[in-house]
C-alpha atoms as a PDB file:
ATOM      1  CA  MET A   1       0.023  -0.077   0.073  1.00  0.00           C
ATOM      2  CA  THR A   2       2.730   2.358   0.860  1.00  0.00           C
ATOM      3  CA  LEU A   3       4.540   1.760  -2.318  1.00  0.00           C
ATOM      4  CA  THR A   4       1.364   2.089  -4.286  1.00  0.00           C
ATOM      5  CA  THR A   5       0.575   5.259  -2.551  1.00  0.00           C
ATOM      6  CA  ALA A   6       4.242   6.525  -3.158  1.00  0.00           C
ATOM      7  CA  SER A   7       4.036   5.617  -6.790  1.00  0.00           C
ATOM      8  CA  ALA A   8       0.798   7.247  -7.074  1.00  0.00           C
ATOM      9  CA  GLY A   9       2.057  10.288  -5.390  1.00  0.00           C
ATOM     10  CA  THR A  10       4.990  10.520  -7.700  1.00  0.00           C
ATOM     11  CA  ARG A  11       2.655  10.346 -10.782  1.00  0.00           C
ATOM     12  CA  ALA A  12       0.305  13.073  -9.494  1.00  0.00           C
ATOM     13  CA  PRO A  13       2.519  16.109 -10.632  1.00  0.00           C
ATOM     14  CA  GLU A  14       2.533  15.043 -14.281  1.00  0.00           C
ATOM     15  CA  PRO A  15      -0.422  17.114 -15.269  1.00  0.00           C
ATOM     16  CA  ALA A  16       1.226  20.112 -13.643  1.00  0.00           C
ATOM     17  CA  VAL A  17       4.360  19.386 -15.563  1.00  0.00           C
ATOM     18  CA  ARG A  18       2.494  19.225 -18.850  1.00  0.00           C
ATOM     19  CA  LYS A  19       0.661  22.379 -17.961  1.00  0.00           C
ATOM     20  CA  THR A  20       3.996  24.058 -17.232  1.00  0.00           C
ATOM     21  CA  SER A  21       5.427  22.930 -20.531  1.00  0.00           C
ATOM     22  CA  GLY A  22       2.330  23.981 -22.321  1.00  0.00           C
ATOM     23  CA  ALA A  23       2.466  27.281 -20.763  1.00  0.00           C
ATOM     24  CA  GLY A  24       6.131  27.649 -21.756  1.00  0.00           C
ATOM     25  CA  ARG A  25       5.098  27.629 -25.421  1.00  0.00           C
ATOM     26  CA  GLY A  26       3.273  30.664 -24.981  1.00  0.00           C
ATOM     27  CA  PRO A  27       6.248  33.107 -25.560  1.00  0.00           C
ATOM     28  CA  ARG A  28       6.978  31.595 -28.765  1.00  0.00           C
ATOM     29  CA  ARG A  29       3.888  32.954 -30.442  1.00  0.00           C
ATOM     30  CA  PRO A  30       5.540  36.260 -31.360  1.00  0.00           C
ATOM     31  CA  GLY A  31       8.230  34.243 -33.233  1.00  0.00           C
ATOM     32  CA  ARG A  32       5.471  32.160 -34.934  1.00  0.00           C
ATOM     33  CA  VAL A  33       3.883  35.454 -36.055  1.00  0.00           C
ATOM     34  CA  ARG A  34       7.011  36.763 -37.310  1.00  0.00           C
ATOM     35  CA  ARG A  35       7.548  33.604 -39.422  1.00  0.00           C
ATOM     36  CA  THR A  36       4.089  33.847 -40.770  1.00  0.00           C
ATOM     37  CA  ALA A  37       4.468  37.588 -41.750  1.00  0.00           C
ATOM     38  CA  LEU A  38       7.859  37.187 -43.189  1.00  0.00           C
ATOM     39  CA  PRO A  39       6.630  36.065 -46.748  1.00  0.00           C
ATOM     40  CA  TYR A  40       4.347  39.105 -46.953  1.00  0.00           C
ATOM     41  CA  LEU A  41       7.231  41.507 -45.706  1.00  0.00           C
ATOM     42  CA  LEU A  42       9.211  40.034 -48.565  1.00  0.00           C
ATOM     43  CA  LEU A  43       6.647  40.724 -51.081  1.00  0.00           C
ATOM     44  CA  LEU A  44       5.951  44.297 -49.839  1.00  0.00           C
ATOM     45  CA  PRO A  45       8.670  46.045 -51.970  1.00  0.00           C
ATOM     46  CA  ALA A  46       7.441  44.340 -55.074  1.00  0.00           C
ATOM     47  CA  LEU A  47       3.849  45.341 -54.171  1.00  0.00           C
ATOM     48  CA  LEU A  48       4.767  48.887 -53.571  1.00  0.00           C
ATOM     49  CA  LEU A  49       6.815  49.128 -56.863  1.00  0.00           C
ATOM     50  CA  GLU A  50       3.682  47.598 -58.702  1.00  0.00           C
ATOM     51  CA  ILE A  51       1.504  50.226 -57.169  1.00  0.00           C
ATOM     52  CA  LEU A  52       3.959  52.845 -58.210  1.00  0.00           C
ATOM     53  CA  VAL A  53       4.634  51.751 -61.748  1.00  0.00           C
ATOM     54  CA  HIS A  54       1.116  50.450 -62.747  1.00  0.00           C
ATOM     55  CA  LEU A  55      -1.801  51.117 -60.502  1.00  0.00           C
ATOM     56  CA  LEU A  56      -0.972  54.874 -59.753  1.00  0.00           C
ATOM     57  CA  PRO A  57      -0.785  55.799 -63.585  1.00  0.00           C
ATOM     58  CA  ILE A  58      -4.092  54.032 -64.038  1.00  0.00           C
ATOM     59  CA  VAL A  59      -5.664  56.033 -61.372  1.00  0.00           C
ATOM     60  CA  ILE A  60      -4.266  59.346 -62.791  1.00  0.00           C
ATOM     61  CA  GLY A  61      -5.545  58.256 -66.262  1.00  0.00           C
ATOM     62  CA  VAL A  62      -9.073  57.575 -65.061  1.00  0.00           C
ATOM     63  CA  ALA A  63      -8.898  60.954 -63.388  1.00  0.00           C
ATOM     64  CA  MET A  64      -7.825  62.683 -66.487  1.00  0.00           C
ATOM     65  CA  SER A  65     -10.599  61.045 -68.579  1.00  0.00           C
ATOM     66  CA  PHE A  66     -13.175  63.191 -66.654  1.00  0.00           C
ATOM     67  CA  LYS A  67     -11.386  66.567 -67.368  1.00  0.00           C
ATOM     68  CA  GLU A  68     -11.019  68.883 -70.407  1.00  0.00           C
ATOM     69  CA  LEU A  69      -7.154  68.418 -70.482  1.00  0.00           C
ATOM     70  CA  THR A  70      -5.521  70.183 -73.354  1.00  0.00           C
ATOM     71  CA  GLN A  71      -2.157  71.762 -73.966  1.00  0.00           C
ATOM     72  CA  PHE A  72      -3.190  74.793 -71.965  1.00  0.00           C
ATOM     73  CA  HIS A  73      -3.399  72.748 -68.820  1.00  0.00           C
ATOM     74  CA  LEU A  74      -0.486  70.539 -68.991  1.00  0.00           C
ATOM     75  CA  ARG A  75       1.522  72.406 -66.353  1.00  0.00           C
ATOM     76  CA  ASP A  76      -1.439  72.004 -63.811  1.00  0.00           C
ATOM     77  CA  TRP A  77      -3.694  69.312 -65.176  1.00  0.00           C
ATOM     78  CA  GLY A  78      -5.435  69.160 -61.818  1.00  0.00           C
ATOM     79  CA  ALA A  79      -6.860  72.463 -62.588  1.00  0.00           C
ATOM     80  CA  ALA A  80      -8.377  71.625 -65.850  1.00  0.00           C
ATOM     81  CA  PRO A  81     -12.227  72.167 -66.055  1.00  0.00           C
ATOM     82  CA  TRP A  82     -14.307  69.232 -65.232  1.00  0.00           C
ATOM     83  CA  ARG A  83     -16.140  67.632 -68.012  1.00  0.00           C
ATOM     84  CA  GLY A  84     -17.672  64.568 -66.333  1.00  0.00           C
ATOM     85  CA  LEU A  85     -18.742  61.961 -68.957  1.00  0.00           C
ATOM     86  CA  ASP A  86     -18.513  64.247 -72.039  1.00  0.00           C
ATOM     87  CA  ASN A  87     -15.172  62.779 -73.109  1.00  0.00           C
ATOM     88  CA  PHE A  88     -16.751  59.211 -73.206  1.00  0.00           C
ATOM     89  CA  ARG A  89     -19.907  60.507 -74.990  1.00  0.00           C
ATOM     90  CA  LEU A  90     -17.398  62.114 -77.524  1.00  0.00           C
ATOM     91  CA  VAL A  91     -15.504  59.035 -78.257  1.00  0.00           C
ATOM     92  CA  VAL A  92     -18.450  56.535 -78.351  1.00  0.00           C
ATOM     93  CA  ASP A  93     -20.644  58.723 -80.565  1.00  0.00           C
ATOM     94  CA  LEU A  94     -20.788  56.736 -83.767  1.00  0.00           C
ATOM     95  CA  ASP A  95     -22.400  59.657 -85.644  1.00  0.00           C
ATOM     96  CA  GLY A  96     -19.348  61.883 -84.943  1.00  0.00           C
ATOM     97  CA  PRO A  97     -15.985  61.708 -86.605  1.00  0.00           C
ATOM     98  CA  ALA A  98     -14.232  60.700 -83.231  1.00  0.00           C
ATOM     99  CA  GLY A  99     -16.537  57.675 -82.758  1.00  0.00           C
ATOM    100  CA  GLN A 100     -16.473  56.513 -86.201  1.00  0.00           C
ATOM    101  CA  ALA A 101     -12.527  56.717 -86.157  1.00  0.00           C
ATOM    102  CA  LEU A 102     -12.386  54.861 -82.954  1.00  0.00           C
ATOM    103  CA  LEU A 103     -14.757  52.145 -84.081  1.00  0.00           C
ATOM    104  CA  LYS A 104     -12.806  51.681 -87.414  1.00  0.00           C
ATOM    105  CA  SER A 105      -9.572  51.426 -85.323  1.00  0.00           C
ATOM    106  CA  PHE A 106     -11.088  48.935 -83.042  1.00  0.00           C
ATOM    107  CA  VAL A 107     -12.229  46.715 -85.782  1.00  0.00           C
ATOM    108  CA  THR A 108      -8.832  46.712 -87.422  1.00  0.00           C
ATOM    109  CA  THR A 109      -7.299  45.808 -84.062  1.00  0.00           C
ATOM    110  CA  CYS A 110      -9.674  42.904 -83.618  1.00  0.00           C
ATOM    111  CA  LEU A 111      -8.941  41.494 -87.049  1.00  0.00           C
ATOM    112  CA  PHE A 112      -5.162  42.020 -86.520  1.00  0.00           C
ATOM    113  CA  THR A 113      -5.167  40.450 -83.113  1.00  0.00           C
ATOM    114  CA  ALA A 114      -7.109  37.537 -84.240  1.00  0.00           C
ATOM    115  CA  ALA A 115      -4.882  36.683 -87.176  1.00  0.00           C
ATOM    116  CA  SER A 116      -1.605  37.380 -85.176  1.00  0.00           C
ATOM    117  CA  VAL A 117      -2.699  35.158 -82.169  1.00  0.00           C
ATOM    118  CA  GLY A 118      -3.941  32.434 -84.617  1.00  0.00           C
ATOM    119  CA  LEU A 119      -0.739  32.281 -86.660  1.00  0.00           C
ATOM    120  CA  CYS A 120       1.453  32.562 -83.649  1.00  0.00           C
ATOM    121  CA  TRP A 121      -0.143  29.631 -81.967  1.00  0.00           C
ATOM    122  CA  LEU A 122      -0.339  27.560 -85.139  1.00  0.00           C
ATOM    123  CA  LEU A 123       3.384  28.134 -86.062  1.00  0.00           C
ATOM    124  CA  GLY A 124       4.528  27.642 -82.381  1.00  0.00           C
ATOM    125  CA  THR A 125       2.581  24.297 -82.084  1.00  0.00           C
ATOM    126  CA  ALA A 126       3.741  23.051 -85.242  1.00  0.00           C
ATOM    127  CA  ALA A 127       7.278  23.785 -84.555  1.00  0.00           C
ATOM    128  CA  ALA A 128       7.101  22.428 -80.868  1.00  0.00           C
ATOM    129  CA  VAL A 129       5.568  19.107 -82.114  1.00  0.00           C
ATOM    130  CA  TYR A 130       8.043  18.720 -84.913  1.00  0.00           C
ATOM    131  CA  LEU A 131      11.042  19.125 -82.581  1.00  0.00           C
ATOM    132  CA  GLN A 132       9.590  16.831 -80.038  1.00  0.00           C
ATOM    133  CA  GLU A 133      11.339  13.968 -81.581  1.00  0.00           C
ATOM    134  CA  SER A 134      15.115  13.529 -81.147  1.00  0.00           C
ATOM    135  CA  PHE A 135      17.233  14.024 -84.203  1.00  0.00           C
ATOM    136  CA  ARG A 136      20.666  15.608 -85.112  1.00  0.00           C
ATOM    137  CA  GLY A 137      20.417  19.352 -85.014  1.00  0.00           C
ATOM    138  CA  ARG A 138      17.429  19.604 -82.856  1.00  0.00           C
ATOM    139  CA  GLY A 139      19.132  21.768 -80.290  1.00  0.00           C
ATOM    140  CA  PHE A 140      20.459  24.132 -82.922  1.00  0.00           C
ATOM    141  CA  LEU A 141      16.876  24.681 -84.336  1.00  0.00           C
ATOM    142  CA  ARG A 142      15.462  25.255 -81.002  1.00  0.00           C
ATOM    143  CA  ALA A 143      18.080  27.988 -80.436  1.00  0.00           C
ATOM    144  CA  LEU A 144      17.532  29.420 -83.851  1.00  0.00           C
ATOM    145  CA  PHE A 145      13.834  29.511 -83.541  1.00  0.00           C
ATOM    146  CA  LEU A 146      14.143  31.602 -80.214  1.00  0.00           C
ATOM    147  CA  VAL A 147      16.233  34.361 -81.816  1.00  0.00           C
ATOM    148  CA  PRO A 148      13.188  36.561 -82.775  1.00  0.00           C
ATOM    149  CA  TYR A 149      12.035  36.406 -79.222  1.00  0.00           C
ATOM    150  CA  ALA A 150      15.340  37.118 -77.763  1.00  0.00           C
ATOM    151  CA  LEU A 151      16.020  40.281 -80.009  1.00  0.00           C
ATOM    152  CA  PRO A 152      15.156  43.737 -78.630  1.00  0.00           C
ATOM    153  CA  VAL A 153      11.844  44.854 -80.200  1.00  0.00           C
ATOM    154  CA  TYR A 154      13.197  48.134 -81.533  1.00  0.00           C
ATOM    155  CA  ALA A 155      16.299  46.589 -83.267  1.00  0.00           C
ATOM    156  CA  ALA A 156      13.978  44.028 -84.851  1.00  0.00           C
ATOM    157  CA  VAL A 157      11.268  46.160 -86.008  1.00  0.00           C
ATOM    158  CA  ILE A 158      13.645  48.698 -87.388  1.00  0.00           C
ATOM    159  CA  THR A 159      15.407  45.871 -89.312  1.00  0.00           C
ATOM    160  CA  TRP A 160      11.977  44.949 -90.757  1.00  0.00           C
ATOM    161  CA  SER A 161      11.257  48.581 -91.799  1.00  0.00           C
ATOM    162  CA  PHE A 162      14.284  48.611 -93.875  1.00  0.00           C
ATOM    163  CA  MET A 163      13.511  45.190 -95.342  1.00  0.00           C
ATOM    164  CA  PHE A 164       9.980  46.684 -96.467  1.00  0.00           C
ATOM    165  CA  GLN A 165      11.419  49.550 -98.293  1.00  0.00           C
ATOM    166  CA  ARG A 166      10.073  49.754-101.694  1.00  0.00           C
ATOM    167  CA  ASP A 167      13.250  50.576-103.855  1.00  0.00           C
ATOM    168  CA  ASN A 168      15.991  48.652-101.990  1.00  0.00           C
ATOM    169  CA  GLY A 169      14.323  46.529 -99.460  1.00  0.00           C
ATOM    170  CA  LEU A 170      14.915  42.825 -99.297  1.00  0.00           C
ATOM    171  CA  VAL A 171      11.083  41.814 -99.418  1.00  0.00           C
ATOM    172  CA  ASN A 172      10.519  43.413-102.817  1.00  0.00           C
ATOM    173  CA  TYR A 173      13.895  42.200-104.128  1.00  0.00           C
ATOM    174  CA  VAL A 174      12.948  38.501-103.187  1.00  0.00           C
ATOM    175  CA  LEU A 175       9.255  38.726-104.277  1.00  0.00           C
ATOM    176  CA  HIS A 176       9.765  40.800-107.533  1.00  0.00           C
ATOM    177  CA  GLU A 177      13.252  40.287-108.825  1.00  0.00           C
ATOM    178  CA  GLN A 178      13.963  36.832-107.478  1.00  0.00           C
ATOM    179  CA  LEU A 179      10.622  34.962-107.457  1.00  0.00           C
ATOM    180  CA  GLY A 180       8.565  37.078-109.917  1.00  0.00           C
ATOM    181  CA  LEU A 181       5.472  37.002-107.833  1.00  0.00           C
ATOM    182  CA  LEU A 182       5.012  40.730-108.027  1.00  0.00           C
ATOM    183  CA  ASP A 183       4.603  42.604-111.291  1.00  0.00           C
ATOM    184  CA  SER A 184       6.385  45.828-109.766  1.00  0.00           C
ATOM    185  CA  PRO A 185       7.699  46.632-106.382  1.00  0.00           C
ATOM    186  CA  SER A 186       4.939  47.305-103.671  1.00  0.00           C
ATOM    187  CA  PHE A 187       4.700  49.816-101.081  1.00  0.00           C
ATOM    188  CA  TRP A 188       4.540  47.853 -97.676  1.00  0.00           C
ATOM    189  CA  LEU A 189       4.667  50.687 -95.117  1.00  0.00           C
ATOM    190  CA  ILE A 190       1.896  52.662 -96.609  1.00  0.00           C
ATOM    191  CA  GLY A 191      -1.566  51.822 -98.187  1.00  0.00           C
ATOM    192  CA  GLY A 192      -3.399  48.493 -97.763  1.00  0.00           C
ATOM    193  CA  ASN A 193      -0.216  46.425 -97.628  1.00  0.00           C
ATOM    194  CA  SER A 194       0.769  48.029 -94.348  1.00  0.00           C
ATOM    195  CA  PHE A 195      -1.680  45.615 -92.598  1.00  0.00           C
ATOM    196  CA  VAL A 196       0.190  42.680 -94.009  1.00  0.00           C
ATOM    197  CA  ALA A 197       3.568  44.201 -93.191  1.00  0.00           C
ATOM    198  CA  LEU A 198       2.553  44.764 -89.559  1.00  0.00           C
ATOM    199  CA  LEU A 199       1.061  41.338 -89.221  1.00  0.00           C
ATOM    200  CA  THR A 200       4.177  39.782 -90.678  1.00  0.00           C
ATOM    201  CA  VAL A 201       6.339  41.474 -87.998  1.00  0.00           C
ATOM    202  CA  SER A 202       3.963  40.704 -85.190  1.00  0.00           C
ATOM    203  CA  VAL A 203       3.963  37.024 -85.986  1.00  0.00           C
ATOM    204  CA  TRP A 204       7.699  36.866 -86.655  1.00  0.00           C
ATOM    205  CA  LYS A 205       8.383  38.178 -83.051  1.00  0.00           C
ATOM    206  CA  GLY A 206       5.504  36.606 -81.420  1.00  0.00           C
ATOM    207  CA  TRP A 207       5.557  32.894 -82.549  1.00  0.00           C
ATOM    208  CA  PRO A 208       8.794  31.894 -80.751  1.00  0.00           C
ATOM    209  CA  PHE A 209       6.936  32.657 -77.447  1.00  0.00           C
ATOM    210  CA  ALA A 210       4.127  30.118 -78.371  1.00  0.00           C
ATOM    211  CA  PHE A 211       6.931  27.756 -79.518  1.00  0.00           C
ATOM    212  CA  LEU A 212       8.601  28.098 -76.102  1.00  0.00           C
ATOM    213  CA  ILE A 213       5.364  27.663 -74.115  1.00  0.00           C
ATOM    214  CA  VAL A 214       4.054  24.590 -76.032  1.00  0.00           C
ATOM    215  CA  MET A 215       7.409  23.020 -75.947  1.00  0.00           C
ATOM    216  CA  ALA A 216       7.558  23.175 -72.161  1.00  0.00           C
ATOM    217  CA  GLY A 217       4.084  21.907 -71.960  1.00  0.00           C
ATOM    218  CA  LEU A 218       4.843  18.945 -74.116  1.00  0.00           C
ATOM    219  CA  GLN A 219       7.500  17.844 -71.487  1.00  0.00           C
ATOM    220  CA  ASN A 220       4.588  16.766 -69.259  1.00  0.00           C
ATOM    221  CA  VAL A 221       3.114  14.634 -71.886  1.00  0.00           C
ATOM    222  CA  PRO A 222       4.206  10.901 -71.050  1.00  0.00           C
ATOM    223  CA  ARG A 223       5.904   9.209 -73.962  1.00  0.00           C
ATOM    224  CA  GLU A 224       4.120   6.002 -73.007  1.00  0.00           C
ATOM    225  CA  MET A 225       0.867   7.375 -74.394  1.00  0.00           C
ATOM    226  CA  TYR A 226       2.423   7.808 -77.857  1.00  0.00           C
ATOM    227  CA  GLU A 227       3.974   4.427 -77.760  1.00  0.00           C
ATOM    228  CA  ALA A 228       0.615   2.809 -76.792  1.00  0.00           C
ATOM    229  CA  ALA A 229      -1.218   4.811 -79.543  1.00  0.00           C
ATOM    230  CA  ALA A 230       1.385   3.701 -82.093  1.00  0.00           C
ATOM    231  CA  LEU A 231       0.835   0.006 -81.075  1.00  0.00           C
ATOM    232  CA  ASP A 232      -2.900   0.391 -81.492  1.00  0.00           C
ATOM    233  CA  GLY A 233      -2.262   1.711 -84.993  1.00  0.00           C
ATOM    234  CA  ALA A 234      -2.907   5.434 -84.490  1.00  0.00           C
ATOM    235  CA  GLY A 235      -1.013   7.723 -86.958  1.00  0.00           C
ATOM    236  CA  ARG A 236       0.760  10.955 -86.377  1.00  0.00           C
ATOM    237  CA  TRP A 237      -2.443  12.914 -86.997  1.00  0.00           C
ATOM    238  CA  GLN A 238      -4.538  10.828 -84.715  1.00  0.00           C
ATOM    239  CA  GLN A 239      -1.943  11.066 -81.827  1.00  0.00           C
ATOM    240  CA  LEU A 240      -1.966  14.884 -82.503  1.00  0.00           C
ATOM    241  CA  ARG A 241      -5.798  15.237 -82.098  1.00  0.00           C
ATOM    242  CA  ARG A 242      -6.282  12.429 -79.501  1.00  0.00           C
ATOM    243  CA  ILE A 243      -3.275  13.044 -77.247  1.00  0.00           C
ATOM    244  CA  THR A 244      -1.162  16.088 -77.965  1.00  0.00           C
ATOM    245  CA  LEU A 245      -3.883  18.714 -78.116  1.00  0.00           C
ATOM    246  CA  PRO A 246      -6.022  17.453 -75.276  1.00  0.00           C
ATOM    247  CA  SER A 247      -2.956  17.291 -73.085  1.00  0.00           C
ATOM    248  CA  LEU A 248      -1.962  21.058 -74.040  1.00  0.00           C
ATOM    249  CA  ARG A 249      -5.402  22.364 -73.298  1.00  0.00           C
ATOM    250  CA  PRO A 250      -4.520  24.014 -70.089  1.00  0.00           C
ATOM    251  CA  VAL A 251      -1.300  25.458 -71.500  1.00  0.00           C
ATOM    252  CA  ASN A 252      -3.043  26.775 -74.538  1.00  0.00           C
ATOM    253  CA  GLN A 253      -5.753  28.382 -72.495  1.00  0.00           C
ATOM    254  CA  VAL A 254      -3.108  30.448 -70.705  1.00  0.00           C
ATOM    255  CA  LEU A 255      -1.037  30.970 -73.883  1.00  0.00           C
ATOM    256  CA  VAL A 256      -3.922  32.368 -75.989  1.00  0.00           C
ATOM    257  CA  LEU A 257      -4.952  34.808 -73.315  1.00  0.00           C
ATOM    258  CA  VAL A 258      -1.327  36.147 -72.900  1.00  0.00           C
ATOM    259  CA  LEU A 259      -0.814  36.498 -76.713  1.00  0.00           C
ATOM    260  CA  PHE A 260      -4.362  38.190 -77.049  1.00  0.00           C
ATOM    261  CA  LEU A 261      -3.384  40.950 -74.358  1.00  0.00           C
ATOM    262  CA  TRP A 262       0.070  41.447 -75.639  1.00  0.00           C
ATOM    263  CA  THR A 263      -0.998  41.771 -79.302  1.00  0.00           C
ATOM    264  CA  PHE A 264      -4.107  43.906 -78.514  1.00  0.00           C
ATOM    265  CA  ASN A 265      -2.068  46.529 -76.580  1.00  0.00           C
ATOM    266  CA  ASP A 266       0.943  46.438 -78.854  1.00  0.00           C
ATOM    267  CA  PHE A 267       2.075  49.914 -79.295  1.00  0.00           C
ATOM    268  CA  ASN A 268       5.795  49.430 -79.882  1.00  0.00           C
ATOM    269  CA  THR A 269       5.629  47.521 -83.200  1.00  0.00           C
ATOM    270  CA  PRO A 270       3.466  49.887 -85.143  1.00  0.00           C
ATOM    271  CA  PHE A 271       4.976  52.873 -83.881  1.00  0.00           C
ATOM    272  CA  VAL A 272       8.369  51.987 -84.700  1.00  0.00           C
ATOM    273  CA  LEU A 273       7.389  50.384 -87.991  1.00  0.00           C
ATOM    274  CA  PHE A 274       5.162  53.309 -89.294  1.00  0.00           C
ATOM    275  CA  GLY A 275       6.244  56.209 -87.088  1.00  0.00           C
ATOM    276  CA  ARG A 276       3.926  58.649 -85.527  1.00  0.00           C
ATOM    277  CA  ALA A 277       1.143  58.357 -88.114  1.00  0.00           C
ATOM    278  CA  ALA A 278       0.299  54.753 -88.981  1.00  0.00           C
ATOM    279  CA  PRO A 279      -1.630  54.015 -92.308  1.00  0.00           C
ATOM    280  CA  GLU A 280      -5.251  53.774 -91.930  1.00  0.00           C
ATOM    281  CA  ALA A 281      -5.106  50.140 -92.719  1.00  0.00           C
ATOM    282  CA  ALA A 282      -2.768  49.349 -89.779  1.00  0.00           C
ATOM    283  CA  ASN A 283      -4.252  52.017 -87.432  1.00  0.00           C
ATOM    284  CA  LEU A 284      -4.392  50.123 -84.208  1.00  0.00           C
ATOM    285  CA  VAL A 285      -6.215  51.291 -81.240  1.00  0.00           C
ATOM    286  CA  SER A 286      -2.965  51.958 -79.293  1.00  0.00           C
ATOM    287  CA  ILE A 287      -1.633  54.113 -82.096  1.00  0.00           C
ATOM    288  CA  HIS A 288      -5.083  55.851 -82.444  1.00  0.00           C
ATOM    289  CA  ILE A 289      -5.076  56.801 -78.711  1.00  0.00           C
ATOM    290  CA  TYR A 290      -1.529  58.183 -79.170  1.00  0.00           C
ATOM    291  CA  GLN A 291      -2.538  60.354 -82.138  1.00  0.00           C
ATOM    292  CA  SER A 292      -5.704  61.378 -80.520  1.00  0.00           C
ATOM    293  CA  SER A 293      -3.663  62.532 -77.270  1.00  0.00           C
ATOM    294  CA  PHE A 294      -0.533  64.024 -78.874  1.00  0.00           C
ATOM    295  CA  ALA A 295      -1.535  65.096 -82.280  1.00  0.00           C
ATOM    296  CA  THR A 296      -4.824  66.993 -81.321  1.00  0.00           C
ATOM    297  CA  TRP A 297      -3.573  67.625 -77.651  1.00  0.00           C
ATOM    298  CA  ASN A 298      -6.931  66.374 -76.381  1.00  0.00           C
ATOM    299  CA  PHE A 299      -5.571  64.271 -73.481  1.00  0.00           C
ATOM    300  CA  GLY A 300      -8.936  64.037 -71.959  1.00  0.00           C
ATOM    301  CA  ALA A 301     -10.255  62.257 -74.895  1.00  0.00           C
ATOM    302  CA  GLY A 302      -7.356  60.138 -75.232  1.00  0.00           C
ATOM    303  CA  SER A 303      -7.671  59.099 -71.640  1.00  0.00           C
ATOM    304  CA  ALA A 304     -11.244  58.195 -72.038  1.00  0.00           C
ATOM    305  CA  MET A 305     -10.394  55.949 -74.957  1.00  0.00           C
ATOM    306  CA  SER A 306      -7.700  54.299 -72.759  1.00  0.00           C
ATOM    307  CA  VAL A 307     -10.132  53.765 -69.955  1.00  0.00           C
ATOM    308  CA  LEU A 308     -12.565  52.135 -72.444  1.00  0.00           C
ATOM    309  CA  LEU A 309      -9.787  49.849 -73.698  1.00  0.00           C
ATOM    310  CA  LEU A 310      -8.933  48.839 -70.228  1.00  0.00           C
ATOM    311  CA  VAL A 311     -12.497  48.106 -69.463  1.00  0.00           C
ATOM    312  CA  PHE A 312     -12.865  45.982 -72.772  1.00  0.00           C
ATOM    313  CA  LEU A 313      -9.763  44.025 -71.819  1.00  0.00           C
ATOM    314  CA  LEU A 314     -10.877  43.263 -68.188  1.00  0.00           C
ATOM    315  CA  LEU A 315     -14.316  42.018 -69.541  1.00  0.00           C
ATOM    316  CA  VAL A 316     -12.750  39.887 -72.187  1.00  0.00           C
ATOM    317  CA  THR A 317     -10.316  38.542 -69.568  1.00  0.00           C
ATOM    318  CA  GLY A 318     -13.036  37.893 -66.977  1.00  0.00           C
ATOM    319  CA  VAL A 319     -15.413  36.176 -69.362  1.00  0.00           C
ATOM    320  CA  TYR A 320     -12.542  34.029 -70.859  1.00  0.00           C
ATOM    321  CA  LEU A 321     -11.228  32.891 -67.577  1.00  0.00           C
ATOM    322  CA  PHE A 322     -14.906  32.045 -66.438  1.00  0.00           C
ATOM    323  CA  LEU A 323     -15.575  29.959 -69.463  1.00  0.00           C
ATOM    324  CA  THR A 324     -12.312  28.081 -69.322  1.00  0.00           C
ATOM    325  CA  SER A 325     -12.684  27.437 -65.583  1.00  0.00           C
ATOM    326  CA  ARG A 326     -16.188  26.181 -65.995  1.00  0.00           C
ATOM    327  CA  GLU A 327     -14.961  24.031 -68.856  1.00  0.00           C
ATOM    328  CA  ARG A 328     -12.292  22.427 -66.570  1.00  0.00           C
ATOM    329  CA  ARG A 329     -14.883  21.883 -63.867  1.00  0.00           C
ATOM    330  CA  VAL A 330     -17.205  20.132 -66.378  1.00  0.00           C
ATOM    331  CA  SER A 331     -14.361  17.923 -67.683  1.00  0.00           C
ATOM    332  CA  ARG A 332     -13.375  16.883 -64.174  1.00  0.00           C
ATOM    333  CA  GLY A 333     -16.897  16.063 -63.077  1.00  0.00           C
END
């Protein structure tokens, strides 16, 4: 009995010890909080820089769209007269010259974006699928295909502007003198051919990005699926339809969205290729907004066009993400 009582007495303080040890963990909470907050603190400089570089100009641009901002108020644009929604009414009035010009530029941009994104995706996917097989010189071709994407935009577009010259350009020399496809040298930087020239440059510098993304996505497709399909008698076209394209669907969804946003917003390519005044056939929305702002000095109307462009891109992106996410949920269910 004595031993039992003694042993029981020695076991009794255990809850107190546990309680003490549990209470000893209390002072560690501030350290745990610091560890939890550390990732957010590391992201804080990037967040502040993002606000400074992107969000702040957007807010200023929205504020400018409600003002009658011309060259007379550039020194103190905050003192410009308030116009409210008059700038937006001006640029969306299809009966007026400003609305008609914006609508025509918008249609041109939509056609240009659809053609450029489609060709970039098609060429990038074809090149990535072709280089999926191992053969001699594959590494050299991969590096060669990425050269347009690695070159600076200004250097590449200026080179193309020299190649599109009518009298001494390489394009007319090959098409007219070497191949005989043209009866006479064509003007590529003015007139209706300017759309073809702009589309050519856009696809040339954009398709390597699609090639890079699709080639990375193909690395996740198991080779066993192709081997099994080949044993079942599936040809290359059937393997492409049944294995490659369905496996690349998540990658293509992101790729198409990124290409669409880049192409629709592209300003550098037409500005460097054509200069300040782009031809009517290649007058994209970005160039039209620039001309409306800096040629007529009506920065209020130009800001209103920019806000409408931002709203349009946000709506298209939201609808696209909603449809693609619903498609993924349906396929999983």
